[in-house]
């Protein structure tokens, strides 16, 4: 008699590092940029230099604010260590 031996299957587990910052807060701060106070979303995520550039150029003349808004909405906005922001 043949005994069926089951070979354990290896499962690969992936760990995704996420930021401790939330996308919802970054979204609200980005929307404030349309009122003339640009860069708050970058200050929030720890990207101080980029925040200063946005602040003094009115969000790169609002074009940068629109791009940041799209990145936040699509989940591509990252914090200062390159980790994606947590969900809403």
PDB file of N, CA and C in Angstrom:
ATOM      1  N   UNK A   1       0.825  -1.184   0.000  1.00  0.00           N
ATOM      2  CA  UNK A   1       0.000   0.000   0.000  1.00  0.00           C
ATOM      3  C   UNK A   1       0.871   1.250   0.000  1.00  0.00           C
ATOM      4  N   UNK A   2       0.480   2.151  -0.823  1.00  0.00           N
ATOM      5  CA  UNK A   2       1.197   3.422  -0.894  1.00  0.00           C
ATOM      6  C   UNK A   2       0.550   4.408   0.064  1.00  0.00           C
ATOM      7  N   UNK A   3       1.362   5.044   0.784  1.00  0.00           N
ATOM      8  CA  UNK A   3       0.872   6.046   1.735  1.00  0.00           C
ATOM      9  C   UNK A   3       1.041   7.416   1.097  1.00  0.00           C
ATOM     10  N   UNK A   4      -0.043   8.154   1.028  1.00  0.00           N
ATOM     11  CA  UNK A   4       0.039   9.507   0.467  1.00  0.00           C
ATOM     12  C   UNK A   4       0.736  10.420   1.463  1.00  0.00           C
ATOM     13  N   UNK A   5       1.815  10.941   1.027  1.00  0.00           N
ATOM     14  CA  UNK A   5       2.536  11.890   1.875  1.00  0.00           C
ATOM     15  C   UNK A   5       2.287  13.292   1.324  1.00  0.00           C
ATOM     16  N   UNK A   6       1.879  14.122   2.176  1.00  0.00           N
ATOM     17  CA  UNK A   6       1.632  15.497   1.746  1.00  0.00           C
ATOM     18  C   UNK A   6       2.879  16.322   2.003  1.00  0.00           C
ATOM     19  N   UNK A   7       3.307  16.964   0.980  1.00  0.00           N
ATOM     20  CA  UNK A   7       4.467  17.848   1.098  1.00  0.00           C
ATOM     21  C   UNK A   7       3.943  19.239   1.423  1.00  0.00           C
ATOM     22  N   UNK A   8       4.418  19.811   2.513  1.00  0.00           N
ATOM     23  CA  UNK A   8       3.918  21.147   2.855  1.00  0.00           C
ATOM     24  C   UNK A   8       4.309  22.159   1.777  1.00  0.00           C
ATOM     25  N   UNK A   9       3.367  22.980   1.426  1.00  0.00           N
ATOM     26  CA  UNK A   9       3.589  24.025   0.427  1.00  0.00           C
ATOM     27  C   UNK A   9       4.149  25.258   1.112  1.00  0.00           C
ATOM     28  N   UNK A  10       5.120  25.860   0.465  1.00  0.00           N
ATOM     29  CA  UNK A  10       5.664  27.109   0.988  1.00  0.00           C
ATOM     30  C   UNK A  10       4.762  28.250   0.585  1.00  0.00           C
ATOM     31  N   UNK A  11       4.461  29.072   1.525  1.00  0.00           N
ATOM     32  CA  UNK A  11       3.663  30.255   1.240  1.00  0.00           C
ATOM     33  C   UNK A  11       4.553  31.467   1.403  1.00  0.00           C
ATOM     34  N   UNK A  12       4.502  32.301   0.420  1.00  0.00           N
ATOM     35  CA  UNK A  12       5.278  33.522   0.476  1.00  0.00           C
ATOM     36  C   UNK A  12       4.399  34.624   1.036  1.00  0.00           C
ATOM     37  N   UNK A  13       4.894  35.275   2.051  1.00  0.00           N
ATOM     38  CA  UNK A  13       4.145  36.364   2.664  1.00  0.00           C
ATOM     39  C   UNK A  13       4.886  37.665   2.399  1.00  0.00           C
ATOM     40  N   UNK A  14       4.155  38.653   2.015  1.00  0.00           N
ATOM     41  CA  UNK A  14       4.717  39.966   1.752  1.00  0.00           C
ATOM     42  C   UNK A  14       4.267  40.926   2.832  1.00  0.00           C
ATOM     43  N   UNK A  15       5.190  41.718   3.286  1.00  0.00           N
ATOM     44  CA  UNK A  15       4.893  42.729   4.287  1.00  0.00           C
ATOM     45  C   UNK A  15       5.073  44.082   3.624  1.00  0.00           C
ATOM     46  N   UNK A  16       4.040  44.886   3.682  1.00  0.00           N
ATOM     47  CA  UNK A  16       4.095  46.216   3.087  1.00  0.00           C
ATOM     48  C   UNK A  16       4.218  47.225   4.210  1.00  0.00           C
ATOM     49  N   UNK A  17       5.264  48.004   4.151  1.00  0.00           N
ATOM     50  CA  UNK A  17       5.453  49.038   5.156  1.00  0.00           C
ATOM     51  C   UNK A  17       4.588  50.231   4.787  1.00  0.00           C
ATOM     52  N   UNK A  18       3.788  50.683   5.718  1.00  0.00           N
ATOM     53  CA  UNK A  18       2.990  51.883   5.489  1.00  0.00           C
ATOM     54  C   UNK A  18       3.377  52.940   6.506  1.00  0.00           C
ATOM     55  N   UNK A  19       3.084  54.152   6.166  1.00  0.00           N
ATOM     56  CA  UNK A  19       3.404  55.278   7.019  1.00  0.00           C
ATOM     57  C   UNK A  19       2.425  55.342   8.191  1.00  0.00           C
ATOM     58  N   UNK A  20       2.792  56.072   9.207  1.00  0.00           N
ATOM     59  CA  UNK A  20       1.860  56.317  10.302  1.00  0.00           C
ATOM     60  C   UNK A  20       0.965  57.515  10.001  1.00  0.00           C
ATOM     61  N   UNK A  21       1.138  58.125   8.852  1.00  0.00           N
ATOM     62  CA  UNK A  21       0.317  59.270   8.436  1.00  0.00           C
ATOM     63  C   UNK A  21      -0.889  58.771   7.647  1.00  0.00           C
ATOM     64  N   UNK A  22      -2.007  59.506   7.723  1.00  0.00           N
ATOM     65  CA  UNK A  22      -3.250  59.097   7.078  1.00  0.00           C
ATOM     66  C   UNK A  22      -3.502  59.898   5.804  1.00  0.00           C
ATOM     67  N   UNK A  23      -4.081  59.222   4.807  1.00  0.00           N
ATOM     68  CA  UNK A  23      -4.380  59.879   3.538  1.00  0.00           C
ATOM     69  C   UNK A  23      -5.456  60.944   3.683  1.00  0.00           C
ATOM     70  N   UNK A  24      -6.426  60.733   4.549  1.00  0.00           N
ATOM     71  CA  UNK A  24      -7.518  61.698   4.714  1.00  0.00           C
ATOM     72  C   UNK A  24      -7.021  63.042   5.213  1.00  0.00           C
ATOM     73  N   UNK A  25      -6.120  63.014   6.164  1.00  0.00           N
ATOM     74  CA  UNK A  25      -5.570  64.257   6.694  1.00  0.00           C
ATOM     75  C   UNK A  25      -4.724  64.945   5.637  1.00  0.00           C
ATOM     76  N   UNK A  26      -3.928  64.168   4.909  1.00  0.00           N
ATOM     77  CA  UNK A  26      -3.117  64.744   3.834  1.00  0.00           C
ATOM     78  C   UNK A  26      -4.008  65.358   2.761  1.00  0.00           C
ATOM     79  N   UNK A  27      -5.150  64.739   2.488  1.00  0.00           N
ATOM     80  CA  UNK A  27      -6.083  65.270   1.492  1.00  0.00           C
ATOM     81  C   UNK A  27      -6.647  66.615   1.931  1.00  0.00           C
ATOM     82  N   UNK A  28      -7.067  66.715   3.174  1.00  0.00           N
ATOM     83  CA  UNK A  28      -7.606  67.980   3.685  1.00  0.00           C
ATOM     84  C   UNK A  28      -6.541  69.075   3.643  1.00  0.00           C
ATOM     85  N   UNK A  29      -5.323  68.745   4.047  1.00  0.00           N
ATOM     86  CA  UNK A  29      -4.240  69.730   4.028  1.00  0.00           C
ATOM     87  C   UNK A  29      -3.898  70.151   2.603  1.00  0.00           C
ATOM     88  N   UNK A  30      -3.999  69.232   1.673  1.00  0.00           N
ATOM     89  CA  UNK A  30      -3.743  69.559   0.272  1.00  0.00           C
ATOM     90  C   UNK A  30      -4.821  70.497  -0.260  1.00  0.00           C
ATOM     91  N   UNK A  31      -6.067  70.250   0.113  1.00  0.00           N
ATOM     92  CA  UNK A  31      -7.163  71.115  -0.337  1.00  0.00           C
ATOM     93  C   UNK A  31      -7.032  72.525   0.219  1.00  0.00           C
ATOM     94  N   UNK A  32      -6.452  72.667   1.403  1.00  0.00           N
ATOM     95  CA  UNK A  32      -6.198  73.997   1.963  1.00  0.00           C
ATOM     96  C   UNK A  32      -5.219  74.755   1.080  1.00  0.00           C
ATOM     97  N   UNK A  33      -4.396  74.034   0.339  1.00  0.00           N
ATOM     98  CA  UNK A  33      -3.460  74.655  -0.588  1.00  0.00           C
ATOM     99  C   UNK A  33      -4.142  75.478  -1.667  1.00  0.00           C
ATOM    100  N   UNK A  34      -5.374  75.144  -1.997  1.00  0.00           N
ATOM    101  CA  UNK A  34      -6.111  75.930  -2.982  1.00  0.00           C
ATOM    102  C   UNK A  34      -6.572  77.265  -2.413  1.00  0.00           C
ATOM    103  N   UNK A  35      -6.463  77.434  -1.108  1.00  0.00           N
ATOM    104  CA  UNK A  35      -6.790  78.715  -0.481  1.00  0.00           C
ATOM    105  C   UNK A  35      -5.572  79.621  -0.374  1.00  0.00           C
ATOM    106  N   UNK A  36      -4.427  79.141  -0.854  1.00  0.00           N
ATOM    107  CA  UNK A  36      -3.223  79.962  -0.861  1.00  0.00           C
ATOM    108  C   UNK A  36      -2.158  79.562   0.133  1.00  0.00           C
ATOM    109  N   UNK A  37      -2.436  78.563   0.956  1.00  0.00           N
ATOM    110  CA  UNK A  37      -1.445  78.096   1.936  1.00  0.00           C
ATOM    111  C   UNK A  37      -0.960  76.734   1.466  1.00  0.00           C
ATOM    112  N   UNK A  38      -0.079  76.714   0.506  1.00  0.00           N
ATOM    113  CA  UNK A  38       0.369  75.466  -0.100  1.00  0.00           C
ATOM    114  C   UNK A  38       1.440  74.759   0.709  1.00  0.00           C
ATOM    115  N   UNK A  39       1.537  73.459   0.518  1.00  0.00           N
ATOM    116  CA  UNK A  39       2.605  72.677   1.110  1.00  0.00           C
ATOM    117  C   UNK A  39       2.312  72.036   2.441  1.00  0.00           C
ATOM    118  N   UNK A  40       1.140  72.233   2.996  1.00  0.00           N
ATOM    119  CA  UNK A  40       0.851  71.676   4.321  1.00  0.00           C
ATOM    120  C   UNK A  40       0.905  70.148   4.310  1.00  0.00           C
ATOM    121  N   UNK A  41       0.517  69.528   3.196  1.00  0.00           N
ATOM    122  CA  UNK A  41       0.564  68.072   3.113  1.00  0.00           C
ATOM    123  C   UNK A  41       1.997  67.560   3.167  1.00  0.00           C
ATOM    124  N   UNK A  42       2.935  68.354   2.668  1.00  0.00           N
ATOM    125  CA  UNK A  42       4.342  67.940   2.723  1.00  0.00           C
ATOM    126  C   UNK A  42       4.912  68.122   4.135  1.00  0.00           C
ATOM    127  N   UNK A  43       4.527  69.189   4.816  1.00  0.00           N
ATOM    128  CA  UNK A  43       4.941  69.356   6.212  1.00  0.00           C
ATOM    129  C   UNK A  43       4.410  68.198   7.053  1.00  0.00           C
ATOM    130  N   UNK A  44       3.167  67.810   6.807  1.00  0.00           N
ATOM    131  CA  UNK A  44       2.524  66.727   7.563  1.00  0.00           C
ATOM    132  C   UNK A  44       3.265  65.403   7.389  1.00  0.00           C
ATOM    133  N   UNK A  45       3.729  65.135   6.178  1.00  0.00           N
ATOM    134  CA  UNK A  45       4.409  63.857   5.927  1.00  0.00           C
ATOM    135  C   UNK A  45       5.905  63.915   6.187  1.00  0.00           C
ATOM    136  N   UNK A  46       6.410  65.026   6.690  1.00  0.00           N
ATOM    137  CA  UNK A  46       7.811  65.128   7.076  1.00  0.00           C
ATOM    138  C   UNK A  46       8.741  65.575   5.968  1.00  0.00           C
ATOM    139  N   UNK A  47       8.205  66.017   4.869  1.00  0.00           N
ATOM    140  CA  UNK A  47       9.019  66.491   3.750  1.00  0.00           C
ATOM    141  C   UNK A  47       9.113  68.012   3.836  1.00  0.00           C
ATOM    142  N   UNK A  48       9.939  68.487   4.746  1.00  0.00           N
ATOM    143  CA  UNK A  48      10.002  69.900   5.119  1.00  0.00           C
ATOM    144  C   UNK A  48      10.487  70.770   3.957  1.00  0.00           C
ATOM    145  N   UNK A  49      11.528  70.359   3.259  1.00  0.00           N
ATOM    146  CA  UNK A  49      12.069  71.172   2.168  1.00  0.00           C
ATOM    147  C   UNK A  49      11.015  71.364   1.080  1.00  0.00           C
ATOM    148  N   UNK A  50      10.348  70.274   0.696  1.00  0.00           N
ATOM    149  CA  UNK A  50       9.299  70.376  -0.320  1.00  0.00           C
ATOM    150  C   UNK A  50       8.144  71.236   0.187  1.00  0.00           C
ATOM    151  N   UNK A  51       7.848  71.129   1.472  1.00  0.00           N
ATOM    152  CA  UNK A  51       6.803  71.973   2.055  1.00  0.00           C
ATOM    153  C   UNK A  51       7.150  73.447   1.970  1.00  0.00           C
ATOM    154  N   UNK A  52       8.402  73.780   2.225  1.00  0.00           N
ATOM    155  CA  UNK A  52       8.824  75.180   2.118  1.00  0.00           C
ATOM    156  C   UNK A  52       8.756  75.679   0.677  1.00  0.00           C
ATOM    157  N   UNK A  53       9.156  74.837  -0.267  1.00  0.00           N
ATOM    158  CA  UNK A  53       9.073  75.230  -1.679  1.00  0.00           C
ATOM    159  C   UNK A  53       7.617  75.486  -2.070  1.00  0.00           C
ATOM    160  N   UNK A  54       6.729  74.592  -1.688  1.00  0.00           N
ATOM    161  CA  UNK A  54       5.304  74.775  -2.001  1.00  0.00           C
ATOM    162  C   UNK A  54       4.747  76.012  -1.295  1.00  0.00           C
ATOM    163  N   UNK A  55       5.163  76.235  -0.050  1.00  0.00           N
ATOM    164  CA  UNK A  55       4.631  77.357   0.716  1.00  0.00           C
ATOM    165  C   UNK A  55       4.993  78.699   0.073  1.00  0.00           C
ATOM    166  N   UNK A  56       6.248  78.833  -0.347  1.00  0.00           N
ATOM    167  CA  UNK A  56       6.686  80.114  -0.884  1.00  0.00           C
ATOM    168  C   UNK A  56       6.347  80.315  -2.362  1.00  0.00           C
ATOM    169  N   UNK A  57       5.910  79.256  -3.063  1.00  0.00           N
ATOM    170  CA  UNK A  57       5.536  79.404  -4.476  1.00  0.00           C
ATOM    171  C   UNK A  57       4.045  79.144  -4.693  1.00  0.00           C
ATOM    172  N   UNK A  58       3.267  79.222  -3.612  1.00  0.00           N
ATOM    173  CA  UNK A  58       1.823  78.962  -3.670  1.00  0.00           C
ATOM    174  C   UNK A  58       1.531  77.602  -4.303  1.00  0.00           C
ATOM    175  N   UNK A  59       2.188  76.578  -3.780  1.00  0.00           N
ATOM    176  CA  UNK A  59       1.970  75.219  -4.280  1.00  0.00           C
ATOM    177  C   UNK A  59       2.466  75.036  -5.694  1.00  0.00           C
ATOM    178  N   UNK A  60       3.629  75.581  -5.966  1.00  0.00           N
ATOM    179  CA  UNK A  60       4.193  75.577  -7.322  1.00  0.00           C
ATOM    180  C   UNK A  60       3.165  76.121  -8.309  1.00  0.00           C
ATOM    181  N   UNK A  61       2.614  77.281  -7.919  1.00  0.00           N
ATOM    182  CA  UNK A  61       1.616  77.994  -8.719  1.00  0.00           C
ATOM    183  C   UNK A  61       0.389  77.125  -8.979  1.00  0.00           C
ATOM    184  N   UNK A  62      -0.035  76.417  -7.938  1.00  0.00           N
ATOM    185  CA  UNK A  62      -1.205  75.543  -7.883  1.00  0.00           C
ATOM    186  C   UNK A  62      -1.066  74.276  -8.728  1.00  0.00           C
ATOM    187  N   UNK A  63      -0.135  74.230  -9.652  1.00  0.00           N
ATOM    188  CA  UNK A  63       0.061  73.017 -10.448  1.00  0.00           C
ATOM    189  C   UNK A  63       0.578  71.882  -9.565  1.00  0.00           C
ATOM    190  N   UNK A  64       1.509  72.183  -8.688  1.00  0.00           N
ATOM    191  CA  UNK A  64       2.031  71.170  -7.767  1.00  0.00           C
ATOM    192  C   UNK A  64       0.978  70.680  -6.798  1.00  0.00           C
ATOM    193  N   UNK A  65       0.084  71.578  -6.391  1.00  0.00           N
ATOM    194  CA  UNK A  65      -0.997  71.188  -5.487  1.00  0.00           C
ATOM    195  C   UNK A  65      -1.952  70.225  -6.188  1.00  0.00           C
ATOM    196  N   UNK A  66      -2.230  70.479  -7.456  1.00  0.00           N
ATOM    197  CA  UNK A  66      -3.100  69.574  -8.218  1.00  0.00           C
ATOM    198  C   UNK A  66      -2.437  68.209  -8.364  1.00  0.00           C
ATOM    199  N   UNK A  67      -1.146  68.187  -8.636  1.00  0.00           N
ATOM    200  CA  UNK A  67      -0.420  66.919  -8.772  1.00  0.00           C
ATOM    201  C   UNK A  67      -0.405  66.171  -7.438  1.00  0.00           C
ATOM    202  N   UNK A  68      -0.159  66.886  -6.338  1.00  0.00           N
ATOM    203  CA  UNK A  68      -0.187  66.246  -5.015  1.00  0.00           C
ATOM    204  C   UNK A  68      -1.568  65.680  -4.714  1.00  0.00           C
ATOM    205  N   UNK A  69      -2.599  66.420  -5.097  1.00  0.00           N
ATOM    206  CA  UNK A  69      -3.973  65.964  -4.877  1.00  0.00           C
ATOM    207  C   UNK A  69      -4.222  64.648  -5.614  1.00  0.00           C
ATOM    208  N   UNK A  70      -3.770  64.567  -6.860  1.00  0.00           N
ATOM    209  CA  UNK A  70      -3.943  63.335  -7.630  1.00  0.00           C
ATOM    210  C   UNK A  70      -3.168  62.173  -7.012  1.00  0.00           C
ATOM    211  N   UNK A  71      -1.946  62.448  -6.545  1.00  0.00           N
ATOM    212  CA  UNK A  71      -1.159  61.397  -5.889  1.00  0.00           C
ATOM    213  C   UNK A  71      -1.834  60.905  -4.610  1.00  0.00           C
ATOM    214  N   UNK A  72      -2.399  61.818  -3.845  1.00  0.00           N
ATOM    215  CA  UNK A  72      -3.071  61.418  -2.603  1.00  0.00           C
ATOM    216  C   UNK A  72      -4.300  60.576  -2.925  1.00  0.00           C
ATOM    217  N   UNK A  73      -5.079  60.991  -3.912  1.00  0.00           N
ATOM    218  CA  UNK A  73      -6.302  60.267  -4.252  1.00  0.00           C
ATOM    219  C   UNK A  73      -6.020  58.877  -4.817  1.00  0.00           C
ATOM    220  N   UNK A  74      -4.918  58.728  -5.542  1.00  0.00           N
ATOM    221  CA  UNK A  74      -4.598  57.430  -6.134  1.00  0.00           C
ATOM    222  C   UNK A  74      -3.729  56.549  -5.234  1.00  0.00           C
ATOM    223  N   UNK A  75      -3.292  57.072  -4.108  1.00  0.00           N
ATOM    224  CA  UNK A  75      -2.488  56.289  -3.169  1.00  0.00           C
ATOM    225  C   UNK A  75      -1.003  56.312  -3.450  1.00  0.00           C
ATOM    226  N   UNK A  76      -0.546  57.189  -4.312  1.00  0.00           N
ATOM    227  CA  UNK A  76       0.867  57.252  -4.653  1.00  0.00           C
ATOM    228  C   UNK A  76       1.673  58.241  -3.831  1.00  0.00           C
ATOM    229  N   UNK A  77       1.031  58.972  -2.939  1.00  0.00           N
ATOM    230  CA  UNK A  77       1.721  59.973  -2.121  1.00  0.00           C
ATOM    231  C   UNK A  77       2.469  59.263  -1.011  1.00  0.00           C
ATOM    232  N   UNK A  78       3.728  59.593  -0.808  1.00  0.00           N
ATOM    233  CA  UNK A  78       4.567  58.904   0.170  1.00  0.00           C
ATOM    234  C   UNK A  78       5.109  59.885   1.211  1.00  0.00           C
ATOM    235  N   UNK A  79       5.502  59.341   2.348  1.00  0.00           N
ATOM    236  CA  UNK A  79       6.061  60.185   3.399  1.00  0.00           C
ATOM    237  C   UNK A  79       7.560  60.368   3.187  1.00  0.00           C
ATOM    238  N   UNK A  80       8.236  60.903   4.189  1.00  0.00           N
ATOM    239  CA  UNK A  80       9.652  61.240   4.044  1.00  0.00           C
ATOM    240  C   UNK A  80      10.579  60.028   3.961  1.00  0.00           C
ATOM    241  N   UNK A  81      10.124  58.846   4.328  1.00  0.00           N
ATOM    242  CA  UNK A  81      10.956  57.648   4.203  1.00  0.00           C
ATOM    243  C   UNK A  81      10.529  56.780   3.023  1.00  0.00           C
ATOM    244  N   UNK A  82       9.575  57.255   2.233  1.00  0.00           N
ATOM    245  CA  UNK A  82       9.142  56.537   1.044  1.00  0.00           C
ATOM    246  C   UNK A  82       8.023  55.541   1.254  1.00  0.00           C
ATOM    247  N   UNK A  83       7.436  55.534   2.440  1.00  0.00           N
ATOM    248  CA  UNK A  83       6.338  54.608   2.708  1.00  0.00           C
ATOM    249  C   UNK A  83       5.012  55.241   2.289  1.00  0.00           C
ATOM    250  N   UNK A  84       4.108  54.462   1.686  1.00  0.00           N
ATOM    251  CA  UNK A  84       2.804  55.015   1.307  1.00  0.00           C
ATOM    252  C   UNK A  84       1.976  55.342   2.539  1.00  0.00           C
ATOM    253  N   UNK A  85       1.124  56.334   2.400  1.00  0.00           N
ATOM    254  CA  UNK A  85       0.287  56.750   3.524  1.00  0.00           C
ATOM    255  C   UNK A  85      -0.769  55.682   3.810  1.00  0.00           C
ATOM    256  N   UNK A  86      -1.198  55.627   5.088  1.00  0.00           N
ATOM    257  CA  UNK A  86      -2.250  54.684   5.480  1.00  0.00           C
ATOM    258  C   UNK A  86      -3.553  55.086   4.822  1.00  0.00           C
ATOM    259  N   UNK A  87      -4.461  54.148   4.793  1.00  0.00           N
ATOM    260  CA  UNK A  87      -5.770  54.432   4.228  1.00  0.00           C
ATOM    261  C   UNK A  87      -6.476  55.502   5.054  1.00  0.00           C
ATOM    262  N   UNK A  88      -7.537  55.979   4.556  1.00  0.00           N
ATOM    263  CA  UNK A  88      -8.281  57.121   5.064  1.00  0.00           C
ATOM    264  C   UNK A  88      -8.379  57.073   6.559  1.00  0.00           C
TER     265      UNK A  88
END
